[in-house]
Amino acid sequence: MNPQVELNLALILFLPWFTILAVLFWIYPRAPRGVGRTLFDTTSLLLALAAAAGGMYWSMANADRSFGHMWQQVLATSVAYGLFLLVITVALVVRWRWLRRVRAAMAAPSPASSITPVTQP
């Protein structure tokens, strides 16, 4: 096997699943969507991919080879998947709390609109 493919095999095998999770993360919830949300989602997905790749390379370098060469791939896949899910889960919680505050701010009446005009008799 090509050494580059072997080194990146865990990421290659999980790339379709990472793509499905990334699309679902990007699409839902559908609103509100603005520049801040797009920037947050992009940063979160890039951070998740970087964490997965970093964990994969770390585990390939530190796996115990006494259990066989396949253990490197098993450990790399497990660590990469776990780190990707960890970052996405943290981003989901942060985004959920942030969007909840945004929705509450949008639903609350502004102080200027709560002033009722006083009419003179």
PDB file of N, CA and C in Angstrom:
ATOM      1  N   MET A   1       0.850  -1.172   0.000  1.00  0.00           N
ATOM      2  CA  MET A   1       0.000   0.000   0.000  1.00  0.00           C
ATOM      3  C   MET A   1       0.896   1.237   0.000  1.00  0.00           C
ATOM      4  N   ASN A   2       0.456   2.233  -0.711  1.00  0.00           N
ATOM      5  CA  ASN A   2       1.167   3.503  -0.766  1.00  0.00           C
ATOM      6  C   ASN A   2       1.271   4.072   0.657  1.00  0.00           C
ATOM      7  N   PRO A   3       2.458   4.506   1.085  1.00  0.00           N
ATOM      8  CA  PRO A   3       2.607   5.023   2.454  1.00  0.00           C
ATOM      9  C   PRO A   3       1.724   6.244   2.747  1.00  0.00           C
ATOM     10  N   GLN A   4       1.498   7.105   1.776  1.00  0.00           N
ATOM     11  CA  GLN A   4       0.632   8.276   1.991  1.00  0.00           C
ATOM     12  C   GLN A   4      -0.818   7.841   2.200  1.00  0.00           C
ATOM     13  N   VAL A   5      -1.257   6.873   1.428  1.00  0.00           N
ATOM     14  CA  VAL A   5      -2.619   6.368   1.591  1.00  0.00           C
ATOM     15  C   VAL A   5      -2.752   5.682   2.940  1.00  0.00           C
ATOM     16  N   GLU A   6      -1.746   4.900   3.311  1.00  0.00           N
ATOM     17  CA  GLU A   6      -1.783   4.210   4.596  1.00  0.00           C
ATOM     18  C   GLU A   6      -1.825   5.201   5.764  1.00  0.00           C
ATOM     19  N   LEU A   7      -1.067   6.267   5.649  1.00  0.00           N
ATOM     20  CA  LEU A   7      -1.038   7.273   6.704  1.00  0.00           C
ATOM     21  C   LEU A   7      -2.379   7.991   6.835  1.00  0.00           C
ATOM     22  N   ASN A   8      -3.058   8.205   5.730  1.00  0.00           N
ATOM     23  CA  ASN A   8      -4.328   8.949   5.718  1.00  0.00           C
ATOM     24  C   ASN A   8      -5.559   8.054   5.571  1.00  0.00           C
ATOM     25  N   LEU A   9      -5.383   6.750   5.739  1.00  0.00           N
ATOM     26  CA  LEU A   9      -6.479   5.818   5.496  1.00  0.00           C
ATOM     27  C   LEU A   9      -7.684   6.073   6.402  1.00  0.00           C
ATOM     28  N   ALA A  10      -7.453   6.354   7.664  1.00  0.00           N
ATOM     29  CA  ALA A  10      -8.572   6.599   8.582  1.00  0.00           C
ATOM     30  C   ALA A  10      -9.393   7.806   8.132  1.00  0.00           C
ATOM     31  N   LEU A  11      -8.704   8.862   7.728  1.00  0.00           N
ATOM     32  CA  LEU A  11      -9.412  10.056   7.267  1.00  0.00           C
ATOM     33  C   LEU A  11     -10.131   9.790   5.946  1.00  0.00           C
ATOM     34  N   ILE A  12      -9.503   9.031   5.061  1.00  0.00           N
ATOM     35  CA  ILE A  12     -10.124   8.704   3.775  1.00  0.00           C
ATOM     36  C   ILE A  12     -11.388   7.874   3.985  1.00  0.00           C
ATOM     37  N   LEU A  13     -11.320   6.908   4.896  1.00  0.00           N
ATOM     38  CA  LEU A  13     -12.470   6.040   5.124  1.00  0.00           C
ATOM     39  C   LEU A  13     -13.630   6.777   5.790  1.00  0.00           C
ATOM     40  N   PHE A  14     -13.329   7.739   6.645  1.00  0.00           N
ATOM     41  CA  PHE A  14     -14.387   8.455   7.348  1.00  0.00           C
ATOM     42  C   PHE A  14     -14.810   9.736   6.644  1.00  0.00           C
ATOM     43  N   LEU A  15     -14.162  10.129   5.588  1.00  0.00           N
ATOM     44  CA  LEU A  15     -14.514  11.361   4.896  1.00  0.00           C
ATOM     45  C   LEU A  15     -15.979  11.400   4.435  1.00  0.00           C
ATOM     46  N   PRO A  16     -16.542  10.315   3.886  1.00  0.00           N
ATOM     47  CA  PRO A  16     -17.971  10.385   3.527  1.00  0.00           C
ATOM     48  C   PRO A  16     -18.871  10.613   4.745  1.00  0.00           C
ATOM     49  N   TRP A  17     -18.596   9.959   5.861  1.00  0.00           N
ATOM     50  CA  TRP A  17     -19.408  10.148   7.057  1.00  0.00           C
ATOM     51  C   TRP A  17     -19.204  11.542   7.641  1.00  0.00           C
ATOM     52  N   PHE A  18     -17.961  12.025   7.639  1.00  0.00           N
ATOM     53  CA  PHE A  18     -17.697  13.385   8.093  1.00  0.00           C
ATOM     54  C   PHE A  18     -18.449  14.386   7.224  1.00  0.00           C
ATOM     55  N   THR A  19     -18.536  14.122   5.934  1.00  0.00           N
ATOM     56  CA  THR A  19     -19.246  15.016   5.022  1.00  0.00           C
ATOM     57  C   THR A  19     -20.745  15.042   5.339  1.00  0.00           C
ATOM     58  N   ILE A  20     -21.327  13.884   5.603  1.00  0.00           N
ATOM     59  CA  ILE A  20     -22.749  13.830   5.949  1.00  0.00           C
ATOM     60  C   ILE A  20     -23.005  14.607   7.235  1.00  0.00           C
ATOM     61  N   LEU A  21     -22.182  14.385   8.255  1.00  0.00           N
ATOM     62  CA  LEU A  21     -22.349  15.110   9.515  1.00  0.00           C
ATOM     63  C   LEU A  21     -22.144  16.605   9.326  1.00  0.00           C
ATOM     64  N   ALA A  22     -21.178  16.983   8.514  1.00  0.00           N
ATOM     65  CA  ALA A  22     -20.909  18.400   8.271  1.00  0.00           C
ATOM     66  C   ALA A  22     -22.088  19.070   7.556  1.00  0.00           C
ATOM     67  N   VAL A  23     -22.675  18.398   6.590  1.00  0.00           N
ATOM     68  CA  VAL A  23     -23.827  18.965   5.869  1.00  0.00           C
ATOM     69  C   VAL A  23     -25.010  19.132   6.819  1.00  0.00           C
ATOM     70  N   LEU A  24     -25.256  18.132   7.655  1.00  0.00           N
ATOM     71  CA  LEU A  24     -26.349  18.252   8.620  1.00  0.00           C
ATOM     72  C   LEU A  24     -26.083  19.375   9.618  1.00  0.00           C
ATOM     73  N   PHE A  25     -24.844  19.502  10.074  1.00  0.00           N
ATOM     74  CA  PHE A  25     -24.476  20.580  10.985  1.00  0.00           C
ATOM     75  C   PHE A  25     -24.689  21.933  10.314  1.00  0.00           C
ATOM     76  N   TRP A  26     -24.339  22.040   9.052  1.00  0.00           N
ATOM     77  CA  TRP A  26     -24.445  23.298   8.316  1.00  0.00           C
ATOM     78  C   TRP A  26     -25.901  23.680   8.065  1.00  0.00           C
ATOM     79  N   ILE A  27     -26.727  22.717   7.717  1.00  0.00           N
ATOM     80  CA  ILE A  27     -28.104  23.010   7.306  1.00  0.00           C
ATOM     81  C   ILE A  27     -29.031  23.297   8.483  1.00  0.00           C
ATOM     82  N   TYR A  28     -28.923  22.516   9.546  1.00  0.00           N
ATOM     83  CA  TYR A  28     -29.886  22.621  10.654  1.00  0.00           C
ATOM     84  C   TYR A  28     -29.302  23.328  11.846  1.00  0.00           C
ATOM     85  N   PRO A  29     -30.032  24.207  12.485  1.00  0.00           N
ATOM     86  CA  PRO A  29     -31.341  24.732  12.125  1.00  0.00           C
ATOM     87  C   PRO A  29     -31.218  25.702  10.956  1.00  0.00           C
ATOM     88  N   ARG A  30     -32.272  25.842  10.226  1.00  0.00           N
ATOM     89  CA  ARG A  30     -32.242  26.656   9.006  1.00  0.00           C
ATOM     90  C   ARG A  30     -32.171  28.151   9.272  1.00  0.00           C
ATOM     91  N   ALA A  31     -32.708  28.592  10.392  1.00  0.00           N
ATOM     92  CA  ALA A  31     -32.714  30.028  10.677  1.00  0.00           C
ATOM     93  C   ALA A  31     -32.394  30.232  12.147  1.00  0.00           C
ATOM     94  N   PRO A  32     -31.843  31.311  12.545  1.00  0.00           N
ATOM     95  CA  PRO A  32     -31.400  32.445  11.732  1.00  0.00           C
ATOM     96  C   PRO A  32     -30.040  32.158  11.095  1.00  0.00           C
ATOM     97  N   ARG A  33     -29.857  32.646   9.929  1.00  0.00           N
ATOM     98  CA  ARG A  33     -28.595  32.453   9.217  1.00  0.00           C
ATOM     99  C   ARG A  33     -28.101  33.814   8.762  1.00  0.00           C
ATOM    100  N   GLY A  34     -26.921  34.148   9.223  1.00  0.00           N
ATOM    101  CA  GLY A  34     -26.307  35.413   8.858  1.00  0.00           C
ATOM    102  C   GLY A  34     -24.806  35.211   8.718  1.00  0.00           C
ATOM    103  N   VAL A  35     -24.097  36.303   8.653  1.00  0.00           N
ATOM    104  CA  VAL A  35     -22.646  36.244   8.484  1.00  0.00           C
ATOM    105  C   VAL A  35     -21.989  35.596   9.706  1.00  0.00           C
ATOM    106  N   GLY A  36     -22.467  35.967  10.901  1.00  0.00           N
ATOM    107  CA  GLY A  36     -21.902  35.402  12.125  1.00  0.00           C
ATOM    108  C   GLY A  36     -22.101  33.898  12.203  1.00  0.00           C
ATOM    109  N   ARG A  37     -23.278  33.441  11.831  1.00  0.00           N
ATOM    110  CA  ARG A  37     -23.572  32.006  11.847  1.00  0.00           C
ATOM    111  C   ARG A  37     -22.726  31.265  10.829  1.00  0.00           C
ATOM    112  N   THR A  38     -22.590  31.820   9.640  1.00  0.00           N
ATOM    113  CA  THR A  38     -21.778  31.191   8.601  1.00  0.00           C
ATOM    114  C   THR A  38     -20.323  31.109   9.027  1.00  0.00           C
ATOM    115  N   LEU A  39     -19.817  32.167   9.618  1.00  0.00           N
ATOM    116  CA  LEU A  39     -18.437  32.168  10.099  1.00  0.00           C
ATOM    117  C   LEU A  39     -18.244  31.153  11.223  1.00  0.00           C
ATOM    118  N   PHE A  40     -19.190  31.090  12.146  1.00  0.00           N
ATOM    119  CA  PHE A  40     -19.113  30.131  13.244  1.00  0.00           C
ATOM    120  C   PHE A  40     -19.146  28.701  12.718  1.00  0.00           C
ATOM    121  N   ASP A  41     -20.068  28.398  11.813  1.00  0.00           N
ATOM    122  CA  ASP A  41     -20.174  27.047  11.266  1.00  0.00           C
ATOM    123  C   ASP A  41     -18.922  26.653  10.497  1.00  0.00           C
ATOM    124  N   THR A  42     -18.399  27.563   9.686  1.00  0.00           N
ATOM    125  CA  THR A  42     -17.184  27.272   8.927  1.00  0.00           C
ATOM    126  C   THR A  42     -16.013  27.005   9.851  1.00  0.00           C
ATOM    127  N   THR A  43     -15.850  27.861  10.853  1.00  0.00           N
ATOM    128  CA  THR A  43     -14.755  27.686  11.803  1.00  0.00           C
ATOM    129  C   THR A  43     -14.890  26.373  12.560  1.00  0.00           C
ATOM    130  N   SER A  44     -16.107  26.047  12.974  1.00  0.00           N
ATOM    131  CA  SER A  44     -16.343  24.803  13.708  1.00  0.00           C
ATOM    132  C   SER A  44     -15.999  23.581  12.866  1.00  0.00           C
ATOM    133  N   LEU A  45     -16.418  23.581  11.611  1.00  0.00           N
ATOM    134  CA  LEU A  45     -16.146  22.434  10.747  1.00  0.00           C
ATOM    135  C   LEU A  45     -14.657  22.299  10.429  1.00  0.00           C
ATOM    136  N   LEU A  46     -13.988  23.413  10.203  1.00  0.00           N
ATOM    137  CA  LEU A  46     -12.554  23.350   9.962  1.00  0.00           C
ATOM    138  C   LEU A  46     -11.799  22.880  11.202  1.00  0.00           C
ATOM    139  N   LEU A  47     -12.230  23.337  12.365  1.00  0.00           N
ATOM    140  CA  LEU A  47     -11.614  22.900  13.615  1.00  0.00           C
ATOM    141  C   LEU A  47     -11.855  21.408  13.852  1.00  0.00           C
ATOM    142  N   ALA A  48     -13.052  20.921  13.535  1.00  0.00           N
ATOM    143  CA  ALA A  48     -13.357  19.492  13.689  1.00  0.00           C
ATOM    144  C   ALA A  48     -12.487  18.650  12.754  1.00  0.00           C
ATOM    145  N   LEU A  49     -12.317  19.101  11.523  1.00  0.00           N
ATOM    146  CA  LEU A  49     -11.477  18.368  10.576  1.00  0.00           C
ATOM    147  C   LEU A  49     -10.015  18.395  11.010  1.00  0.00           C
ATOM    148  N   ALA A  50      -9.544  19.536  11.489  1.00  0.00           N
ATOM    149  CA  ALA A  50      -8.159  19.636  11.959  1.00  0.00           C
ATOM    150  C   ALA A  50      -7.929  18.757  13.186  1.00  0.00           C
ATOM    151  N   ALA A  51      -8.903  18.715  14.097  1.00  0.00           N
ATOM    152  CA  ALA A  51      -8.769  17.861  15.281  1.00  0.00           C
ATOM    153  C   ALA A  51      -8.746  16.390  14.877  1.00  0.00           C
ATOM    154  N   ALA A  52      -9.603  16.019  13.947  1.00  0.00           N
ATOM    155  CA  ALA A  52      -9.633  14.623  13.485  1.00  0.00           C
ATOM    156  C   ALA A  52      -8.314  14.245  12.810  1.00  0.00           C
ATOM    157  N   ALA A  53      -7.809  15.116  11.955  1.00  0.00           N
ATOM    158  CA  ALA A  53      -6.541  14.821  11.272  1.00  0.00           C
ATOM    159  C   ALA A  53      -5.386  14.781  12.267  1.00  0.00           C
ATOM    160  N   GLY A  54      -5.345  15.734  13.188  1.00  0.00           N
ATOM    161  CA  GLY A  54      -4.277  15.741  14.189  1.00  0.00           C
ATOM    162  C   GLY A  54      -4.315  14.518  15.075  1.00  0.00           C
ATOM    163  N   GLY A  55      -5.511  14.121  15.505  1.00  0.00           N
ATOM    164  CA  GLY A  55      -5.645  12.918  16.314  1.00  0.00           C
ATOM    165  C   GLY A  55      -5.263  11.668  15.551  1.00  0.00           C
ATOM    166  N   MET A  56      -5.591  11.637  14.274  1.00  0.00           N
ATOM    167  CA  MET A  56      -5.235  10.493  13.446  1.00  0.00           C
ATOM    168  C   MET A  56      -3.721  10.368  13.313  1.00  0.00           C
ATOM    169  N   TYR A  57      -3.049  11.487  13.023  1.00  0.00           N
ATOM    170  CA  TYR A  57      -1.586  11.442  12.884  1.00  0.00           C
ATOM    171  C   TYR A  57      -0.913  11.116  14.210  1.00  0.00           C
ATOM    172  N   TRP A  58      -1.453  11.648  15.308  1.00  0.00           N
ATOM    173  CA  TRP A  58      -0.883  11.358  16.619  1.00  0.00           C
ATOM    174  C   TRP A  58      -1.012   9.874  16.930  1.00  0.00           C
ATOM    175  N   SER A  59      -2.183   9.310  16.690  1.00  0.00           N
ATOM    176  CA  SER A  59      -2.389   7.906  17.026  1.00  0.00           C
ATOM    177  C   SER A  59      -1.591   6.977  16.117  1.00  0.00           C
ATOM    178  N   MET A  60      -1.402   7.363  14.870  1.00  0.00           N
ATOM    179  CA  MET A  60      -0.561   6.541  13.978  1.00  0.00           C
ATOM    180  C   MET A  60       0.876   6.505  14.488  1.00  0.00           C
ATOM    181  N   ALA A  61       1.332   7.623  15.019  1.00  0.00           N
ATOM    182  CA  ALA A  61       2.713   7.685  15.504  1.00  0.00           C
ATOM    183  C   ALA A  61       2.877   7.019  16.865  1.00  0.00           C
ATOM    184  N   ASN A  62       1.823   6.961  17.663  1.00  0.00           N
ATOM    185  CA  ASN A  62       1.943   6.466  19.034  1.00  0.00           C
ATOM    186  C   ASN A  62       1.267   5.133  19.293  1.00  0.00           C
ATOM    187  N   ALA A  63       0.715   4.502  18.294  1.00  0.00           N
ATOM    188  CA  ALA A  63       0.039   3.212  18.491  1.00  0.00           C
ATOM    189  C   ALA A  63       1.066   2.140  18.829  1.00  0.00           C
ATOM    190  N   ASP A  64       0.662   1.233  19.699  1.00  0.00           N
ATOM    191  CA  ASP A  64       1.528   0.120  20.091  1.00  0.00           C
ATOM    192  C   ASP A  64       1.561  -0.900  18.950  1.00  0.00           C
ATOM    193  N   ARG A  65       2.712  -1.067  18.335  1.00  0.00           N
ATOM    194  CA  ARG A  65       2.838  -1.950  17.180  1.00  0.00           C
ATOM    195  C   ARG A  65       2.982  -3.419  17.579  1.00  0.00           C
ATOM    196  N   SER A  66       3.061  -3.700  18.864  1.00  0.00           N
ATOM    197  CA  SER A  66       3.206  -5.093  19.287  1.00  0.00           C
ATOM    198  C   SER A  66       1.926  -5.892  19.055  1.00  0.00           C
ATOM    199  N   PHE A  67       0.797  -5.225  18.860  1.00  0.00           N
ATOM    200  CA  PHE A  67      -0.469  -5.898  18.592  1.00  0.00           C
ATOM    201  C   PHE A  67      -0.730  -6.053  17.099  1.00  0.00           C
ATOM    202  N   GLY A  68       0.200  -5.653  16.284  1.00  0.00           N
ATOM    203  CA  GLY A  68       0.043  -5.780  14.842  1.00  0.00           C
ATOM    204  C   GLY A  68      -0.095  -4.415  14.179  1.00  0.00           C
ATOM    205  N   HIS A  69       0.149  -4.418  12.882  1.00  0.00           N
ATOM    206  CA  HIS A  69       0.134  -3.170  12.117  1.00  0.00           C
ATOM    207  C   HIS A  69      -1.281  -2.611  11.981  1.00  0.00           C
ATOM    208  N   MET A  70      -2.277  -3.481  12.016  1.00  0.00           N
ATOM    209  CA  MET A  70      -3.661  -3.034  11.854  1.00  0.00           C
ATOM    210  C   MET A  70      -4.112  -2.172  13.039  1.00  0.00           C
ATOM    211  N   TRP A  71      -3.508  -2.362  14.211  1.00  0.00           N
ATOM    212  CA  TRP A  71      -3.894  -1.597  15.400  1.00  0.00           C
ATOM    213  C   TRP A  71      -3.699  -0.097  15.169  1.00  0.00           C
ATOM    214  N   GLN A  72      -2.696   0.276  14.396  1.00  0.00           N
ATOM    215  CA  GLN A  72      -2.493   1.697  14.073  1.00  0.00           C
ATOM    216  C   GLN A  72      -3.728   2.270  13.398  1.00  0.00           C
ATOM    217  N   GLN A  73      -4.264   1.537  12.433  1.00  0.00           N
ATOM    218  CA  GLN A  73      -5.431   2.024  11.697  1.00  0.00           C
ATOM    219  C   GLN A  73      -6.686   2.052  12.581  1.00  0.00           C
ATOM    220  N   VAL A  74      -6.839   1.037  13.419  1.00  0.00           N
ATOM    221  CA  VAL A  74      -7.993   0.988  14.313  1.00  0.00           C
ATOM    222  C   VAL A  74      -7.955   2.157  15.288  1.00  0.00           C
ATOM    223  N   LEU A  75      -6.802   2.375  15.893  1.00  0.00           N
ATOM    224  CA  LEU A  75      -6.666   3.480  16.838  1.00  0.00           C
ATOM    225  C   LEU A  75      -6.831   4.827  16.130  1.00  0.00           C
ATOM    226  N   ALA A  76      -6.229   4.969  14.963  1.00  0.00           N
ATOM    227  CA  ALA A  76      -6.331   6.229  14.217  1.00  0.00           C
ATOM    228  C   ALA A  76      -7.778   6.533  13.848  1.00  0.00           C
ATOM    229  N   THR A  77      -8.518   5.523  13.422  1.00  0.00           N
ATOM    230  CA  THR A  77      -9.922   5.713  13.068  1.00  0.00           C
ATOM    231  C   THR A  77     -10.745   6.105  14.286  1.00  0.00           C
ATOM    232  N   SER A  78     -10.518   5.413  15.391  1.00  0.00           N
ATOM    233  CA  SER A  78     -11.275   5.697  16.615  1.00  0.00           C
ATOM    234  C   SER A  78     -10.997   7.100  17.141  1.00  0.00           C
ATOM    235  N   VAL A  79      -9.742   7.474  17.182  1.00  0.00           N
ATOM    236  CA  VAL A  79      -9.374   8.794  17.709  1.00  0.00           C
ATOM    237  C   VAL A  79      -9.878   9.897  16.781  1.00  0.00           C
ATOM    238  N   ALA A  80      -9.710   9.724  15.477  1.00  0.00           N
ATOM    239  CA  ALA A  80     -10.159  10.743  14.520  1.00  0.00           C
ATOM    240  C   ALA A  80     -11.677  10.938  14.611  1.00  0.00           C
ATOM    241  N   TYR A  81     -12.410   9.853  14.669  1.00  0.00           N
ATOM    242  CA  TYR A  81     -13.866   9.936  14.750  1.00  0.00           C
ATOM    243  C   TYR A  81     -14.309  10.568  16.072  1.00  0.00           C
ATOM    244  N   GLY A  82     -13.677  10.155  17.155  1.00  0.00           N
ATOM    245  CA  GLY A  82     -14.017  10.708  18.463  1.00  0.00           C
ATOM    246  C   GLY A  82     -13.759  12.201  18.554  1.00  0.00           C
ATOM    247  N   LEU A  83     -12.630  12.648  18.036  1.00  0.00           N
ATOM    248  CA  LEU A  83     -12.311  14.073  18.085  1.00  0.00           C
ATOM    249  C   LEU A  83     -13.237  14.888  17.182  1.00  0.00           C
ATOM    250  N   PHE A  84     -13.554  14.351  16.014  1.00  0.00           N
ATOM    251  CA  PHE A  84     -14.480  15.054  15.130  1.00  0.00           C
ATOM    252  C   PHE A  84     -15.830  15.227  15.823  1.00  0.00           C
ATOM    253  N   LEU A  85     -16.338  14.143  16.417  1.00  0.00           N
ATOM    254  CA  LEU A  85     -17.626  14.222  17.103  1.00  0.00           C
ATOM    255  C   LEU A  85     -17.566  15.135  18.322  1.00  0.00           C
ATOM    256  N   LEU A  86     -16.463  15.129  19.038  1.00  0.00           N
ATOM    257  CA  LEU A  86     -16.322  15.999  20.207  1.00  0.00           C
ATOM    258  C   LEU A  86     -16.424  17.466  19.806  1.00  0.00           C
ATOM    259  N   VAL A  87     -15.678  17.855  18.778  1.00  0.00           N
ATOM    260  CA  VAL A  87     -15.691  19.262  18.346  1.00  0.00           C
ATOM    261  C   VAL A  87     -17.074  19.649  17.815  1.00  0.00           C
ATOM    262  N   ILE A  88     -17.694  18.782  17.030  1.00  0.00           N
ATOM    263  CA  ILE A  88     -19.021  19.079  16.487  1.00  0.00           C
ATOM    264  C   ILE A  88     -20.054  19.169  17.607  1.00  0.00           C
ATOM    265  N   THR A  89     -19.949  18.296  18.605  1.00  0.00           N
ATOM    266  CA  THR A  89     -20.896  18.330  19.723  1.00  0.00           C
ATOM    267  C   THR A  89     -20.754  19.613  20.533  1.00  0.00           C
ATOM    268  N   VAL A  90     -19.526  20.003  20.818  1.00  0.00           N
ATOM    269  CA  VAL A  90     -19.304  21.262  21.544  1.00  0.00           C
ATOM    270  C   VAL A  90     -19.823  22.432  20.719  1.00  0.00           C
ATOM    271  N   ALA A  91     -19.563  22.417  19.425  1.00  0.00           N
ATOM    272  CA  ALA A  91     -20.051  23.498  18.555  1.00  0.00           C
ATOM    273  C   ALA A  91     -21.579  23.527  18.511  1.00  0.00           C
ATOM    274  N   LEU A  92     -22.213  22.360  18.505  1.00  0.00           N
ATOM    275  CA  LEU A  92     -23.680  22.325  18.523  1.00  0.00           C
ATOM    276  C   LEU A  92     -24.245  22.948  19.785  1.00  0.00           C
ATOM    277  N   VAL A  93     -23.650  22.627  20.930  1.00  0.00           N
ATOM    278  CA  VAL A  93     -24.135  23.178  22.193  1.00  0.00           C
ATOM    279  C   VAL A  93     -23.923  24.690  22.235  1.00  0.00           C
ATOM    280  N   VAL A  94     -22.739  25.134  21.834  1.00  0.00           N
ATOM    281  CA  VAL A  94     -22.452  26.572  21.829  1.00  0.00           C
ATOM    282  C   VAL A  94     -23.387  27.293  20.868  1.00  0.00           C
ATOM    283  N   ARG A  95     -23.558  26.723  19.686  1.00  0.00           N
ATOM    284  CA  ARG A  95     -24.432  27.361  18.697  1.00  0.00           C
ATOM    285  C   ARG A  95     -25.893  27.364  19.165  1.00  0.00           C
ATOM    286  N   TRP A  96     -26.343  26.295  19.787  1.00  0.00           N
ATOM    287  CA  TRP A  96     -27.708  26.223  20.297  1.00  0.00           C
ATOM    288  C   TRP A  96     -27.952  27.316  21.336  1.00  0.00           C
ATOM    289  N   ARG A  97     -27.025  27.470  22.263  1.00  0.00           N
ATOM    290  CA  ARG A  97     -27.184  28.519  23.282  1.00  0.00           C
ATOM    291  C   ARG A  97     -27.140  29.910  22.664  1.00  0.00           C
ATOM    292  N   TRP A  98     -26.241  30.105  21.730  1.00  0.00           N
ATOM    293  CA  TRP A  98     -26.103  31.408  21.067  1.00  0.00           C
ATOM    294  C   TRP A  98     -27.371  31.741  20.278  1.00  0.00           C
ATOM    295  N   LEU A  99     -27.875  30.790  19.502  1.00  0.00           N
ATOM    296  CA  LEU A  99     -29.070  31.048  18.705  1.00  0.00           C
ATOM    297  C   LEU A  99     -30.304  31.211  19.582  1.00  0.00           C
ATOM    298  N   ARG A 100     -30.335  30.555  20.720  1.00  0.00           N
ATOM    299  CA  ARG A 100     -31.454  30.737  21.645  1.00  0.00           C
ATOM    300  C   ARG A 100     -31.488  32.174  22.154  1.00  0.00           C
ATOM    301  N   ARG A 101     -30.308  32.736  22.468  1.00  0.00           N
ATOM    302  CA  ARG A 101     -30.246  34.143  22.896  1.00  0.00           C
ATOM    303  C   ARG A 101     -30.635  35.075  21.760  1.00  0.00           C
ATOM    304  N   VAL A 102     -30.213  34.769  20.545  1.00  0.00           N
ATOM    305  CA  VAL A 102     -30.554  35.611  19.390  1.00  0.00           C
ATOM    306  C   VAL A 102     -32.059  35.603  19.163  1.00  0.00           C
ATOM    307  N   ARG A 103     -32.662  34.419  19.232  1.00  0.00           N
ATOM    308  CA  ARG A 103     -34.117  34.340  19.035  1.00  0.00           C
ATOM    309  C   ARG A 103     -34.866  35.080  20.135  1.00  0.00           C
ATOM    310  N   ALA A 104     -34.380  34.977  21.363  1.00  0.00           N
ATOM    311  CA  ALA A 104     -35.025  35.680  22.472  1.00  0.00           C
ATOM    312  C   ALA A 104     -34.911  37.189  22.285  1.00  0.00           C
ATOM    313  N   ALA A 105     -33.763  37.659  21.818  1.00  0.00           N
ATOM    314  CA  ALA A 105     -33.578  39.090  21.581  1.00  0.00           C
ATOM    315  C   ALA A 105     -34.463  39.575  20.440  1.00  0.00           C
ATOM    316  N   MET A 106     -34.658  38.731  19.439  1.00  0.00           N
ATOM    317  CA  MET A 106     -35.516  39.125  18.318  1.00  0.00           C
ATOM    318  C   MET A 106     -36.982  39.139  18.720  1.00  0.00           C
ATOM    319  N   ALA A 107     -37.378  38.276  19.648  1.00  0.00           N
ATOM    320  CA  ALA A 107     -38.777  38.190  20.062  1.00  0.00           C
ATOM    321  C   ALA A 107     -39.144  39.248  21.096  1.00  0.00           C
ATOM    322  N   ALA A 108     -38.169  39.723  21.847  1.00  0.00           N
ATOM    323  CA  ALA A 108     -38.446  40.718  22.887  1.00  0.00           C
ATOM    324  C   ALA A 108     -38.768  42.062  22.241  1.00  0.00           C
ATOM    325  N   PRO A 109     -39.755  42.745  22.754  1.00  0.00           N
ATOM    326  CA  PRO A 109     -40.078  44.067  22.196  1.00  0.00           C
ATOM    327  C   PRO A 109     -38.993  45.072  22.570  1.00  0.00           C
ATOM    328  N   SER A 110     -38.756  45.986  21.690  1.00  0.00           N
ATOM    329  CA  SER A 110     -37.757  47.013  21.969  1.00  0.00           C
ATOM    330  C   SER A 110     -38.334  48.030  22.942  1.00  0.00           C
ATOM    331  N   PRO A 111     -37.503  48.684  23.730  1.00  0.00           N
ATOM    332  CA  PRO A 111     -38.010  49.661  24.699  1.00  0.00           C
ATOM    333  C   PRO A 111     -38.784  50.800  24.040  1.00  0.00           C
ATOM    334  N   ALA A 112     -38.402  51.201  22.853  1.00  0.00           N
ATOM    335  CA  ALA A 112     -39.073  52.307  22.175  1.00  0.00           C
ATOM    336  C   ALA A 112     -40.492  51.921  21.761  1.00  0.00           C
ATOM    337  N   SER A 113     -40.721  50.652  21.444  1.00  0.00           N
ATOM    338  CA  SER A 113     -42.052  50.251  20.994  1.00  0.00           C
ATOM    339  C   SER A 113     -43.011  50.034  22.154  1.00  0.00           C
ATOM    340  N   SER A 114     -42.491  49.943  23.372  1.00  0.00           N
ATOM    341  CA  SER A 114     -43.383  49.717  24.513  1.00  0.00           C
ATOM    342  C   SER A 114     -43.918  51.019  25.098  1.00  0.00           C
ATOM    343  N   ILE A 115     -43.445  52.153  24.606  1.00  0.00           N
ATOM    344  CA  ILE A 115     -43.932  53.454  25.093  1.00  0.00           C
ATOM    345  C   ILE A 115     -45.240  53.756  24.387  1.00  0.00           C
ATOM    346  N   THR A 116     -46.259  53.975  25.154  1.00  0.00           N
ATOM    347  CA  THR A 116     -47.563  54.306  24.583  1.00  0.00           C
ATOM    348  C   THR A 116     -47.732  55.825  24.566  1.00  0.00           C
ATOM    349  N   PRO A 117     -48.230  56.333  23.501  1.00  0.00           N
ATOM    350  CA  PRO A 117     -48.403  57.780  23.415  1.00  0.00           C
ATOM    351  C   PRO A 117     -49.496  58.259  24.375  1.00  0.00           C
ATOM    352  N   VAL A 118     -49.261  59.381  24.970  1.00  0.00           N
ATOM    353  CA  VAL A 118     -50.244  59.974  25.875  1.00  0.00           C
ATOM    354  C   VAL A 118     -51.009  61.026  25.094  1.00  0.00           C
ATOM    355  N   THR A 119     -52.320  60.900  25.136  1.00  0.00           N
ATOM    356  CA  THR A 119     -53.154  61.869  24.412  1.00  0.00           C
ATOM    357  C   THR A 119     -53.700  62.886  25.395  1.00  0.00           C
ATOM    358  N   GLN A 120     -53.764  64.104  24.964  1.00  0.00           N
ATOM    359  CA  GLN A 120     -54.302  65.203  25.765  1.00  0.00           C
ATOM    360  C   GLN A 120     -55.806  65.273  25.579  1.00  0.00           C
ATOM    361  N   PRO A 121     -56.611  65.380  26.656  1.00  0.00           N
ATOM    362  CA  PRO A 121     -58.068  65.459  26.471  1.00  0.00           C
ATOM    363  C   PRO A 121     -58.507  66.806  25.941  1.00  0.00           C
TER     364      PRO A 121
END
